[in-house]
Amino acid sequence: MDQETLAYFKEILEQRLRELIEEAEKTVTGMADEGETFPDPTDRASLESDRNFMLRIRDRERKLITKIREALQRIEDGSFGICEACGDDIGIERLKARPVTTLCIECKRRQEAMEKIREA
C-alpha cells in the first residue's frame, strides 16, 4: 500500500479515535455532574435504564478504541491492509468501510460461516 493511502487511513482512524475519546469524556463528566435524585421509583428506574444503555454503548466504543489503536500500530509497522488469515491484501473498499478490519472479505465470510455452524 502506498504512503498516500496509508496517510488517508491514518487520518480517518485518528479522527475517529479523537471523536470516541471526546464522547467518553463527556459521558464521564455528565455522569459525575448528575446529582439528580428522583423520589418517584419510575423516574429513577428510567434514569438507571438510560445510564445502563449509555454505558453499554461506551463499552462498545471502548472496544472500538482498542481496535483503532491496533490499526494505527499496524500502519506504523507496515502490516495494515494485509489479511491476518491468508496474507493477501485487504481490498481498499473493505478498508474504507471498516478500517479496523484484519481480515479480507473472503476470510471474514469463512469466519462468519464457521460461527453459524457452531451456533447451530
N, C-alpha and C. Protein backbone atom coordinates (compact mmCIF):
# COMPACT_ATOMS: atom_id res chain seq x y z
N MET A 1 0.86 -1.18 0.00
CA MET A 1 0.00 0.00 0.00
C MET A 1 0.91 1.24 0.00
N ASP A 2 0.57 2.21 -0.83
CA ASP A 2 1.42 3.40 -0.92
C ASP A 2 1.24 4.34 0.28
N GLN A 3 2.19 5.23 0.44
CA GLN A 3 2.20 6.12 1.60
C GLN A 3 1.00 7.07 1.64
N GLU A 4 0.54 7.50 0.49
CA GLU A 4 -0.61 8.40 0.43
C GLU A 4 -1.87 7.70 0.95
N THR A 5 -2.06 6.45 0.57
CA THR A 5 -3.22 5.68 1.03
C THR A 5 -3.13 5.41 2.52
N LEU A 6 -1.92 5.07 2.99
CA LEU A 6 -1.73 4.86 4.43
C LEU A 6 -2.02 6.13 5.21
N ALA A 7 -1.59 7.27 4.70
CA ALA A 7 -1.85 8.55 5.36
C ALA A 7 -3.35 8.83 5.42
N TYR A 8 -4.06 8.48 4.35
CA TYR A 8 -5.51 8.65 4.31
C TYR A 8 -6.17 7.85 5.43
N PHE A 9 -5.82 6.58 5.54
CA PHE A 9 -6.42 5.75 6.58
C PHE A 9 -5.98 6.17 7.97
N LYS A 10 -4.75 6.60 8.11
CA LYS A 10 -4.26 7.06 9.41
C LYS A 10 -5.07 8.27 9.88
N GLU A 11 -5.35 9.19 8.98
CA GLU A 11 -6.14 10.37 9.33
C GLU A 11 -7.56 9.99 9.73
N ILE A 12 -8.17 9.08 8.97
CA ILE A 12 -9.52 8.63 9.31
C ILE A 12 -9.55 8.00 10.69
N LEU A 13 -8.59 7.12 10.95
CA LEU A 13 -8.54 6.43 12.24
C LEU A 13 -8.27 7.39 13.39
N GLU A 14 -7.35 8.31 13.20
CA GLU A 14 -7.03 9.28 14.26
C GLU A 14 -8.23 10.18 14.55
N GLN A 15 -8.95 10.60 13.52
CA GLN A 15 -10.13 11.44 13.71
C GLN A 15 -11.20 10.69 14.50
N ARG A 16 -11.45 9.45 14.12
CA ARG A 16 -12.46 8.64 14.83
C ARG A 16 -12.04 8.40 16.28
N LEU A 17 -10.76 8.18 16.50
CA LEU A 17 -10.25 7.99 17.86
C LEU A 17 -10.49 9.24 18.70
N ARG A 18 -10.20 10.39 18.15
CA ARG A 18 -10.44 11.65 18.87
C ARG A 18 -11.92 11.80 19.22
N GLU A 19 -12.80 11.51 18.27
CA GLU A 19 -14.25 11.62 18.50
C GLU A 19 -14.71 10.69 19.62
N LEU A 20 -14.23 9.45 19.59
CA LEU A 20 -14.64 8.49 20.61
C LEU A 20 -14.14 8.87 22.00
N ILE A 21 -12.92 9.34 22.08
CA ILE A 21 -12.36 9.76 23.38
C ILE A 21 -13.12 10.97 23.90
N GLU A 22 -13.45 11.89 23.03
CA GLU A 22 -14.22 13.07 23.43
C GLU A 22 -15.59 12.67 23.97
N GLU A 23 -16.26 11.76 23.28
CA GLU A 23 -17.57 11.28 23.75
C GLU A 23 -17.46 10.58 25.09
N ALA A 24 -16.42 9.79 25.27
CA ALA A 24 -16.22 9.09 26.55
C ALA A 24 -16.02 10.09 27.68
N GLU A 25 -15.25 11.13 27.42
CA GLU A 25 -15.02 12.16 28.44
C GLU A 25 -16.31 12.88 28.79
N LYS A 26 -17.14 13.16 27.79
CA LYS A 26 -18.43 13.81 28.04
C LYS A 26 -19.32 12.93 28.91
N THR A 27 -19.30 11.64 28.64
CA THR A 27 -20.13 10.71 29.41
C THR A 27 -19.69 10.67 30.86
N VAL A 28 -18.39 10.57 31.08
CA VAL A 28 -17.87 10.53 32.45
C VAL A 28 -18.20 11.83 33.17
N THR A 29 -17.99 12.95 32.52
CA THR A 29 -18.30 14.24 33.13
C THR A 29 -19.79 14.36 33.41
N GLY A 30 -20.60 13.95 32.46
CA GLY A 30 -22.05 14.03 32.61
C GLY A 30 -22.55 13.17 33.75
N MET A 31 -22.00 11.99 33.90
CA MET A 31 -22.44 11.10 34.97
C MET A 31 -21.97 11.61 36.33
N ALA A 32 -20.81 12.22 36.36
CA ALA A 32 -20.30 12.75 37.61
C ALA A 32 -21.08 14.00 38.04
N ASP A 33 -21.52 14.78 37.07
CA ASP A 33 -22.24 16.02 37.36
C ASP A 33 -23.69 15.79 37.72
N GLU A 34 -24.24 14.66 37.29
CA GLU A 34 -25.66 14.42 37.54
C GLU A 34 -25.88 14.14 39.02
N GLY A 35 -26.41 15.12 39.70
CA GLY A 35 -26.75 14.96 41.09
C GLY A 35 -28.24 14.81 41.27
N GLU A 36 -28.89 14.39 40.20
CA GLU A 36 -30.34 14.30 40.21
C GLU A 36 -30.80 13.16 41.10
N THR A 37 -31.79 13.47 41.90
CA THR A 37 -32.45 12.43 42.68
C THR A 37 -33.93 12.50 42.36
N PHE A 38 -34.48 11.35 42.13
CA PHE A 38 -35.88 11.27 41.78
C PHE A 38 -36.62 10.49 42.85
N PRO A 39 -37.56 11.14 43.50
CA PRO A 39 -38.32 10.42 44.52
C PRO A 39 -39.24 9.36 43.93
N ASP A 40 -39.62 9.55 42.68
CA ASP A 40 -40.52 8.59 42.05
C ASP A 40 -39.71 7.38 41.56
N PRO A 41 -40.07 6.18 41.97
CA PRO A 41 -39.32 4.98 41.55
C PRO A 41 -39.29 4.78 40.03
N THR A 42 -40.35 5.17 39.36
CA THR A 42 -40.39 5.02 37.91
C THR A 42 -39.37 5.94 37.25
N ASP A 43 -39.26 7.17 37.74
CA ASP A 43 -38.27 8.10 37.20
C ASP A 43 -36.85 7.60 37.45
N ARG A 44 -36.62 7.08 38.65
CA ARG A 44 -35.29 6.53 38.98
C ARG A 44 -34.97 5.36 38.07
N ALA A 45 -35.94 4.49 37.87
CA ALA A 45 -35.73 3.32 37.01
C ALA A 45 -35.43 3.75 35.57
N SER A 46 -36.12 4.77 35.11
CA SER A 46 -35.89 5.27 33.76
C SER A 46 -34.47 5.84 33.64
N LEU A 47 -34.05 6.60 34.65
CA LEU A 47 -32.70 7.17 34.65
C LEU A 47 -31.66 6.05 34.65
N GLU A 48 -31.84 5.05 35.48
CA GLU A 48 -30.91 3.92 35.54
C GLU A 48 -30.87 3.16 34.22
N SER A 49 -32.01 2.98 33.61
CA SER A 49 -32.08 2.31 32.32
C SER A 49 -31.30 3.10 31.27
N ASP A 50 -31.48 4.41 31.26
CA ASP A 50 -30.76 5.27 30.32
C ASP A 50 -29.25 5.20 30.57
N ARG A 51 -28.86 5.22 31.83
CA ARG A 51 -27.43 5.14 32.17
C ARG A 51 -26.84 3.81 31.73
N ASN A 52 -27.56 2.73 31.98
CA ASN A 52 -27.06 1.41 31.58
C ASN A 52 -26.91 1.31 30.07
N PHE A 53 -27.88 1.86 29.36
CA PHE A 53 -27.80 1.87 27.90
C PHE A 53 -26.57 2.65 27.44
N MET A 54 -26.36 3.81 28.03
CA MET A 54 -25.21 4.65 27.67
C MET A 54 -23.89 3.93 27.99
N LEU A 55 -23.85 3.25 29.11
CA LEU A 55 -22.63 2.53 29.47
C LEU A 55 -22.35 1.37 28.51
N ARG A 56 -23.40 0.70 28.05
CA ARG A 56 -23.20 -0.37 27.06
C ARG A 56 -22.63 0.20 25.76
N ILE A 57 -23.15 1.34 25.36
CA ILE A 57 -22.63 1.99 24.15
C ILE A 57 -21.17 2.36 24.34
N ARG A 58 -20.86 2.95 25.47
CA ARG A 58 -19.48 3.35 25.74
C ARG A 58 -18.54 2.15 25.82
N ASP A 59 -19.05 1.01 26.32
CA ASP A 59 -18.22 -0.18 26.37
C ASP A 59 -17.89 -0.66 24.96
N ARG A 60 -18.88 -0.62 24.08
CA ARG A 60 -18.62 -0.98 22.67
C ARG A 60 -17.62 -0.01 22.05
N GLU A 61 -17.75 1.27 22.37
CA GLU A 61 -16.83 2.27 21.85
C GLU A 61 -15.42 2.06 22.41
N ARG A 62 -15.34 1.63 23.66
CA ARG A 62 -14.03 1.35 24.28
C ARG A 62 -13.33 0.24 23.49
N LYS A 63 -14.09 -0.78 23.13
CA LYS A 63 -13.52 -1.87 22.33
C LYS A 63 -13.09 -1.37 20.96
N LEU A 64 -13.87 -0.46 20.38
CA LEU A 64 -13.51 0.12 19.08
C LEU A 64 -12.24 0.96 19.21
N ILE A 65 -12.09 1.68 20.30
CA ILE A 65 -10.87 2.46 20.53
C ILE A 65 -9.65 1.54 20.51
N THR A 66 -9.76 0.40 21.15
CA THR A 66 -8.67 -0.57 21.16
C THR A 66 -8.35 -1.03 19.73
N LYS A 67 -9.39 -1.33 18.96
CA LYS A 67 -9.19 -1.76 17.57
C LYS A 67 -8.56 -0.66 16.73
N ILE A 68 -8.96 0.57 16.96
CA ILE A 68 -8.38 1.69 16.21
C ILE A 68 -6.90 1.84 16.55
N ARG A 69 -6.58 1.75 17.82
CA ARG A 69 -5.16 1.86 18.21
C ARG A 69 -4.34 0.72 17.60
N GLU A 70 -4.91 -0.47 17.55
CA GLU A 70 -4.22 -1.60 16.92
C GLU A 70 -4.02 -1.35 15.43
N ALA A 71 -5.04 -0.79 14.76
CA ALA A 71 -4.93 -0.48 13.33
C ALA A 71 -3.86 0.57 13.10
N LEU A 72 -3.80 1.58 13.96
CA LEU A 72 -2.75 2.61 13.84
C LEU A 72 -1.37 1.99 14.02
N GLN A 73 -1.26 1.03 14.93
CA GLN A 73 0.01 0.34 15.12
C GLN A 73 0.38 -0.47 13.88
N ARG A 74 -0.63 -1.09 13.24
CA ARG A 74 -0.36 -1.84 12.01
C ARG A 74 0.11 -0.91 10.89
N ILE A 75 -0.42 0.31 10.87
CA ILE A 75 0.06 1.28 9.88
C ILE A 75 1.54 1.56 10.13
N GLU A 76 1.89 1.74 11.39
CA GLU A 76 3.29 2.04 11.74
C GLU A 76 4.22 0.88 11.43
N ASP A 77 3.77 -0.35 11.69
CA ASP A 77 4.67 -1.50 11.49
C ASP A 77 4.60 -2.10 10.09
N GLY A 78 3.73 -1.53 9.24
CA GLY A 78 3.68 -1.96 7.84
C GLY A 78 2.76 -3.13 7.55
N SER A 79 1.98 -3.57 8.53
CA SER A 79 1.10 -4.72 8.28
C SER A 79 -0.36 -4.32 8.04
N PHE A 80 -0.65 -3.03 7.99
CA PHE A 80 -2.01 -2.57 7.74
C PHE A 80 -2.44 -2.95 6.34
N GLY A 81 -3.67 -3.47 6.23
CA GLY A 81 -4.21 -3.82 4.92
C GLY A 81 -3.83 -5.21 4.45
N ILE A 82 -3.21 -6.00 5.33
CA ILE A 82 -2.84 -7.37 4.99
C ILE A 82 -3.67 -8.31 5.86
N CYS A 83 -4.34 -9.25 5.24
CA CYS A 83 -5.21 -10.18 5.95
C CYS A 83 -4.39 -11.05 6.91
N GLU A 84 -4.85 -11.12 8.16
CA GLU A 84 -4.18 -11.94 9.16
C GLU A 84 -4.28 -13.42 8.86
N ALA A 85 -5.34 -13.83 8.18
CA ALA A 85 -5.58 -15.25 7.94
C ALA A 85 -4.82 -15.79 6.73
N CYS A 86 -4.92 -15.08 5.61
CA CYS A 86 -4.34 -15.63 4.37
C CYS A 86 -3.12 -14.86 3.87
N GLY A 87 -2.90 -13.66 4.39
CA GLY A 87 -1.74 -12.88 3.97
C GLY A 87 -1.94 -12.05 2.72
N ASP A 88 -3.13 -12.15 2.11
CA ASP A 88 -3.43 -11.35 0.92
C ASP A 88 -3.76 -9.91 1.33
N ASP A 89 -3.75 -9.02 0.35
CA ASP A 89 -4.16 -7.65 0.60
C ASP A 89 -5.65 -7.58 0.87
N ILE A 90 -6.03 -6.73 1.80
CA ILE A 90 -7.45 -6.45 2.06
C ILE A 90 -7.85 -5.35 1.08
N GLY A 91 -8.97 -5.51 0.41
CA GLY A 91 -9.41 -4.53 -0.58
C GLY A 91 -9.61 -3.14 0.01
N ILE A 92 -9.29 -2.13 -0.76
CA ILE A 92 -9.42 -0.74 -0.34
C ILE A 92 -10.87 -0.42 0.04
N GLU A 93 -11.81 -0.90 -0.74
CA GLU A 93 -13.23 -0.63 -0.43
C GLU A 93 -13.61 -1.22 0.93
N ARG A 94 -13.10 -2.40 1.24
CA ARG A 94 -13.38 -3.00 2.55
C ARG A 94 -12.74 -2.16 3.65
N LEU A 95 -11.53 -1.70 3.43
CA LEU A 95 -10.86 -0.87 4.43
C LEU A 95 -11.57 0.47 4.60
N LYS A 96 -12.12 1.00 3.53
CA LYS A 96 -12.88 2.25 3.65
C LYS A 96 -14.13 2.04 4.48
N ALA A 97 -14.77 0.89 4.30
CA ALA A 97 -15.98 0.58 5.06
C ALA A 97 -15.66 0.26 6.52
N ARG A 98 -14.55 -0.42 6.75
CA ARG A 98 -14.18 -0.84 8.11
C ARG A 98 -12.65 -0.81 8.22
N PRO A 99 -12.09 0.36 8.51
CA PRO A 99 -10.63 0.49 8.52
C PRO A 99 -9.92 -0.31 9.62
N VAL A 100 -10.65 -0.80 10.61
CA VAL A 100 -10.02 -1.57 11.67
C VAL A 100 -9.97 -3.06 11.35
N THR A 101 -10.50 -3.47 10.21
CA THR A 101 -10.57 -4.89 9.88
C THR A 101 -9.18 -5.51 9.75
N THR A 102 -9.11 -6.79 10.07
CA THR A 102 -7.86 -7.52 9.94
C THR A 102 -8.00 -8.69 8.98
N LEU A 103 -9.19 -8.87 8.42
CA LEU A 103 -9.44 -9.98 7.51
C LEU A 103 -9.96 -9.48 6.17
N CYS A 104 -9.53 -10.14 5.10
CA CYS A 104 -10.08 -9.83 3.79
C CYS A 104 -11.53 -10.34 3.76
N ILE A 105 -12.26 -9.97 2.77
CA ILE A 105 -13.69 -10.30 2.72
C ILE A 105 -13.91 -11.81 2.66
N GLU A 106 -13.09 -12.52 1.93
CA GLU A 106 -13.26 -13.98 1.83
C GLU A 106 -13.00 -14.67 3.16
N CYS A 107 -11.96 -14.27 3.86
CA CYS A 107 -11.65 -14.88 5.16
C CYS A 107 -12.73 -14.51 6.18
N LYS A 108 -13.25 -13.31 6.10
CA LYS A 108 -14.34 -12.91 7.01
C LYS A 108 -15.59 -13.73 6.73
N ARG A 109 -15.90 -13.97 5.48
CA ARG A 109 -17.07 -14.80 5.13
C ARG A 109 -16.90 -16.21 5.70
N ARG A 110 -15.70 -16.76 5.54
CA ARG A 110 -15.43 -18.10 6.08
C ARG A 110 -15.58 -18.12 7.60
N GLN A 111 -15.07 -17.08 8.25
CA GLN A 111 -15.16 -16.99 9.71
C GLN A 111 -16.63 -16.93 10.15
N GLU A 112 -17.43 -16.11 9.48
CA GLU A 112 -18.84 -15.99 9.82
C GLU A 112 -19.58 -17.30 9.55
N ALA A 113 -19.24 -18.00 8.47
CA ALA A 113 -19.87 -19.28 8.18
C ALA A 113 -19.54 -20.30 9.28
N MET A 114 -18.32 -20.30 9.74
CA MET A 114 -17.91 -21.22 10.82
C MET A 114 -18.66 -20.88 12.11
N GLU A 115 -18.85 -19.59 12.38
CA GLU A 115 -19.59 -19.19 13.58
C GLU A 115 -21.05 -19.66 13.51
N LYS A 116 -21.63 -19.57 12.32
CA LYS A 116 -23.03 -20.04 12.15
C LYS A 116 -23.12 -21.53 12.37
N ILE A 117 -22.12 -22.27 11.89
CA ILE A 117 -22.13 -23.72 12.08
C ILE A 117 -22.02 -24.06 13.57
N ARG A 118 -21.16 -23.34 14.29
CA ARG A 118 -21.01 -23.58 15.74
C ARG A 118 -22.27 -23.27 16.52
N GLU A 119 -23.00 -22.23 16.07
CA GLU A 119 -24.23 -21.83 16.75
C GLU A 119 -25.36 -22.83 16.52
N ALA A 120 -25.32 -23.51 15.41
CA ALA A 120 -26.41 -24.44 15.07
C ALA A 120 -26.38 -25.72 15.87
